[in-house]
């Protein structure tokens, strides 16, 4: 639990009757206490969940001038203005970083293909990559849904590749080699 000394009304809100800080204030507080990757993830999640308010965050940053981490948060906001790819999980984030580090073409992130939302796709090569974490895909209904979607995509002329956390973290060379061959052709 994080406790803040700031009790200014603009930074307080309630969630289900529980007093807490606003998203903007929480991001400023996190900036000084968490590693850069976690701060980026929190900022992306605020955007993804439609809780991001740039004016409120700018105001919170102005009041927190000189606090530890505010420079890092400002740099992340500058990147946000350039339109970063919003990922939904740490696995997606790691996969995107791997693609970038390998110098591979940037995919479309969380876009739609043949009526289905997919994690990553390269339209010119008609390639889809789905990152499968155990939490979201570890039950029978998700397994069947994913296979039905894969079949729809294959029938529409797309090739679907599914990758796991272990492959993204421990089998990077193999994974990059496969992607290079698929993206080259």
Protein backbone atom coordinates (compact mmCIF):
# COMPACT_ATOMS: atom_id res chain seq x y z
CA UNK A 1 0.00 0.00 0.00
CA UNK A 2 1.23 3.49 -0.85
CA UNK A 3 0.42 6.39 1.45
CA UNK A 4 0.78 9.96 0.27
CA UNK A 5 1.15 13.15 2.27
CA UNK A 6 -0.74 15.14 -0.34
CA UNK A 7 -4.37 15.61 0.53
CA UNK A 8 -5.17 18.41 -1.90
CA UNK A 9 -8.68 17.99 -3.24
CA UNK A 10 -7.72 17.98 -6.94
CA UNK A 11 -5.74 14.79 -6.33
CA UNK A 12 -8.30 12.89 -4.28
CA UNK A 13 -11.07 10.73 -5.61
CA UNK A 14 -13.14 7.77 -4.47
CA UNK A 15 -13.46 4.29 -5.89
CA UNK A 16 -16.35 2.27 -4.46
CA UNK A 17 -16.36 4.60 -1.47
CA UNK A 18 -12.64 4.20 -0.80
CA UNK A 19 -10.63 7.43 -0.84
CA UNK A 20 -7.63 7.30 -3.17
CA UNK A 21 -5.49 9.50 -5.34
CA UNK A 22 -6.42 10.29 -8.93
CA UNK A 23 -4.80 8.44 -11.80
CA UNK A 24 -2.68 11.51 -12.59
CA UNK A 25 -1.40 11.78 -9.02
CA UNK A 26 -0.79 8.03 -8.85
CA UNK A 27 1.35 8.20 -11.99
CA UNK A 28 3.39 11.06 -10.49
CA UNK A 29 3.85 9.07 -7.27
CA UNK A 30 4.86 5.94 -9.19
CA UNK A 31 7.40 7.90 -11.24
CA UNK A 32 9.62 8.25 -8.19
CA UNK A 33 9.22 4.74 -6.82
CA UNK A 34 9.04 2.12 -9.58
CA UNK A 35 11.43 1.02 -12.33
CA UNK A 36 11.01 2.70 -15.75
CA UNK A 37 9.36 -0.39 -17.29
CA UNK A 38 6.63 -0.47 -14.64
CA UNK A 39 6.03 3.27 -14.98
CA UNK A 40 5.66 2.89 -18.77
CA UNK A 41 3.25 0.00 -18.22
CA UNK A 42 1.14 2.03 -15.77
CA UNK A 43 0.98 4.95 -18.19
CA UNK A 44 0.00 2.66 -21.07
CA UNK A 45 -2.66 0.99 -18.94
CA UNK A 46 -4.14 4.38 -18.04
CA UNK A 47 -4.47 5.11 -21.77
CA UNK A 48 -5.78 1.64 -22.58
CA UNK A 49 -8.41 1.79 -19.82
CA UNK A 50 -9.51 5.30 -20.87
CA UNK A 51 -8.39 6.78 -17.56
CA UNK A 52 -5.64 8.96 -19.04
CA UNK A 53 -6.21 12.71 -18.70
CA UNK A 54 -3.31 14.70 -20.10
CA UNK A 55 -4.41 18.01 -18.56
CA UNK A 56 -4.75 16.45 -15.11
CA UNK A 57 -1.35 14.80 -15.46
CA UNK A 58 0.30 18.03 -16.62
CA UNK A 59 -1.22 19.82 -13.62
CA UNK A 60 -0.03 17.11 -11.22
CA UNK A 61 3.46 17.30 -12.74
CA UNK A 62 3.50 21.09 -12.38
CA UNK A 63 2.71 20.76 -8.66
CA UNK A 64 5.33 18.05 -8.25
CA UNK A 65 8.15 19.99 -9.91
CA UNK A 66 11.52 18.76 -8.70
CA UNK A 67 10.23 15.48 -7.28
CA UNK A 68 12.14 12.32 -8.09
CA UNK A 69 10.93 10.60 -11.26
CA UNK A 70 9.05 13.54 -12.78
CA UNK A 71 11.64 13.92 -15.54
CA UNK A 72 11.22 10.25 -16.46
CA UNK A 73 7.45 10.64 -16.56
CA UNK A 74 7.75 13.75 -18.75
CA UNK A 75 9.96 11.81 -21.19
CA UNK A 76 7.40 9.00 -21.34
CA UNK A 77 4.68 11.55 -22.03
CA UNK A 78 6.74 12.95 -24.92
CA UNK A 79 6.92 9.41 -26.35
CA UNK A 80 3.18 9.08 -25.88
CA UNK A 81 2.68 12.14 -28.04
CA UNK A 82 4.50 10.26 -30.79
CA UNK A 83 1.95 7.47 -30.48
CA UNK A 84 3.52 4.44 -28.78
CA UNK A 85 2.09 1.03 -29.43
CA UNK A 86 -0.25 0.16 -26.59
CA UNK A 87 0.19 -3.36 -25.37
CA UNK A 88 -2.09 -5.29 -23.05
CA UNK A 89 0.40 -7.42 -21.20
CA UNK A 90 4.01 -7.66 -20.20
CA UNK A 91 4.37 -10.52 -22.70
CA UNK A 92 3.18 -8.28 -25.55
CA UNK A 93 5.56 -5.51 -24.39
CA UNK A 94 8.51 -7.93 -24.30
CA UNK A 95 7.65 -9.32 -27.74
CA UNK A 96 7.50 -5.82 -29.21
CA UNK A 97 10.86 -4.96 -27.62
CA UNK A 98 12.35 -8.15 -29.07
CA UNK A 99 11.10 -7.22 -32.55
CA UNK A 100 12.59 -3.75 -32.21
CA UNK A 101 15.95 -4.99 -30.89
CA UNK A 102 16.18 -7.50 -33.77
CA UNK A 103 15.59 -4.72 -36.31
CA UNK A 104 12.51 -6.41 -37.72
CA UNK A 105 9.70 -4.40 -39.33
CA UNK A 106 7.27 -2.96 -36.80
CA UNK A 107 3.95 -4.81 -36.73
CA UNK A 108 0.48 -3.39 -36.25
CA UNK A 109 -0.30 -3.83 -32.55
CA UNK A 110 -3.72 -4.98 -31.33
CA UNK A 111 -5.31 -4.39 -34.71
CA UNK A 112 -8.11 -6.13 -36.56
CA UNK A 113 -7.69 -8.82 -39.20
CA UNK A 114 -10.62 -10.56 -40.88
CA UNK A 115 -12.97 -9.36 -38.14
CA UNK A 116 -10.75 -10.51 -35.25
CA UNK A 117 -8.54 -8.48 -32.96
CA UNK A 118 -5.02 -9.91 -33.00
CA UNK A 119 -1.96 -9.09 -30.91
CA UNK A 120 0.43 -8.34 -33.81
CA UNK A 121 0.22 -8.47 -37.58
CA UNK A 122 2.22 -7.60 -40.66
CA UNK A 123 -0.31 -6.88 -43.45
CA UNK A 124 2.10 -7.14 -46.40
CA UNK A 125 3.21 -10.62 -45.34
CA UNK A 126 -0.24 -11.65 -44.07
CA UNK A 127 1.36 -12.78 -40.82
CA UNK A 128 -0.33 -12.75 -37.41
CA UNK A 129 1.48 -13.37 -34.12
CA UNK A 130 -0.48 -14.11 -30.98
CA UNK A 131 1.30 -13.98 -27.62
CA UNK A 132 -0.21 -16.57 -25.33
CA UNK A 133 0.09 -16.08 -21.60
CA UNK A 134 -1.23 -18.83 -19.35
CA UNK A 135 -3.60 -16.52 -17.43
CA UNK A 136 -5.62 -15.46 -20.50
CA UNK A 137 -5.35 -18.66 -22.50
CA UNK A 138 -5.12 -21.41 -19.89
CA UNK A 139 -8.69 -22.69 -19.89
CA UNK A 140 -10.81 -24.75 -22.29
CA UNK A 141 -13.05 -21.91 -23.48
CA UNK A 142 -10.10 -19.69 -24.38
CA UNK A 143 -8.32 -22.59 -26.06
CA UNK A 144 -11.34 -23.34 -28.28
CA UNK A 145 -11.98 -19.66 -29.02
CA UNK A 146 -8.36 -19.14 -30.05
CA UNK A 147 -8.38 -22.17 -32.36
CA UNK A 148 -11.63 -21.03 -33.97
CA UNK A 149 -10.11 -17.60 -34.59
CA UNK A 150 -6.91 -19.18 -35.97
CA UNK A 151 -8.98 -21.21 -38.42
CA UNK A 152 -10.93 -18.11 -39.53
CA UNK A 153 -7.67 -16.23 -40.09
CA UNK A 154 -6.04 -19.10 -41.99
CA UNK A 155 -9.14 -19.43 -44.19
CA UNK A 156 -8.84 -15.68 -44.90
CA UNK A 157 -5.26 -16.21 -46.13
CA UNK A 158 -3.31 -15.22 -43.01
CA UNK A 159 -0.64 -17.33 -41.31
CA UNK A 160 -1.00 -17.46 -37.51
CA UNK A 161 1.93 -18.06 -35.17
CA UNK A 162 1.43 -18.44 -31.42
CA UNK A 163 4.31 -17.68 -29.07
CA UNK A 164 4.69 -18.16 -25.33
CA UNK A 165 6.47 -16.30 -22.57
CA UNK A 166 9.22 -18.91 -22.51
CA UNK A 167 9.82 -18.51 -26.26
CA UNK A 168 9.98 -14.71 -26.04
CA UNK A 169 12.36 -14.80 -23.06
CA UNK A 170 14.42 -17.97 -23.50
CA UNK A 171 14.22 -18.86 -27.21
CA UNK A 172 14.76 -15.46 -28.75
CA UNK A 173 17.16 -16.55 -31.50
CA UNK A 174 14.83 -19.28 -32.67
CA UNK A 175 11.81 -16.98 -32.59
CA UNK A 176 13.60 -14.17 -34.45
CA UNK A 177 14.88 -16.66 -37.04
CA UNK A 178 11.34 -17.86 -37.73
CA UNK A 179 10.02 -14.30 -37.96
CA UNK A 180 12.84 -13.24 -40.28
CA UNK A 181 12.00 -16.08 -42.66
CA UNK A 182 8.26 -15.31 -42.58
CA UNK A 183 8.76 -11.57 -43.03
CA UNK A 184 11.25 -11.97 -45.87
CA UNK A 185 8.89 -13.95 -48.06
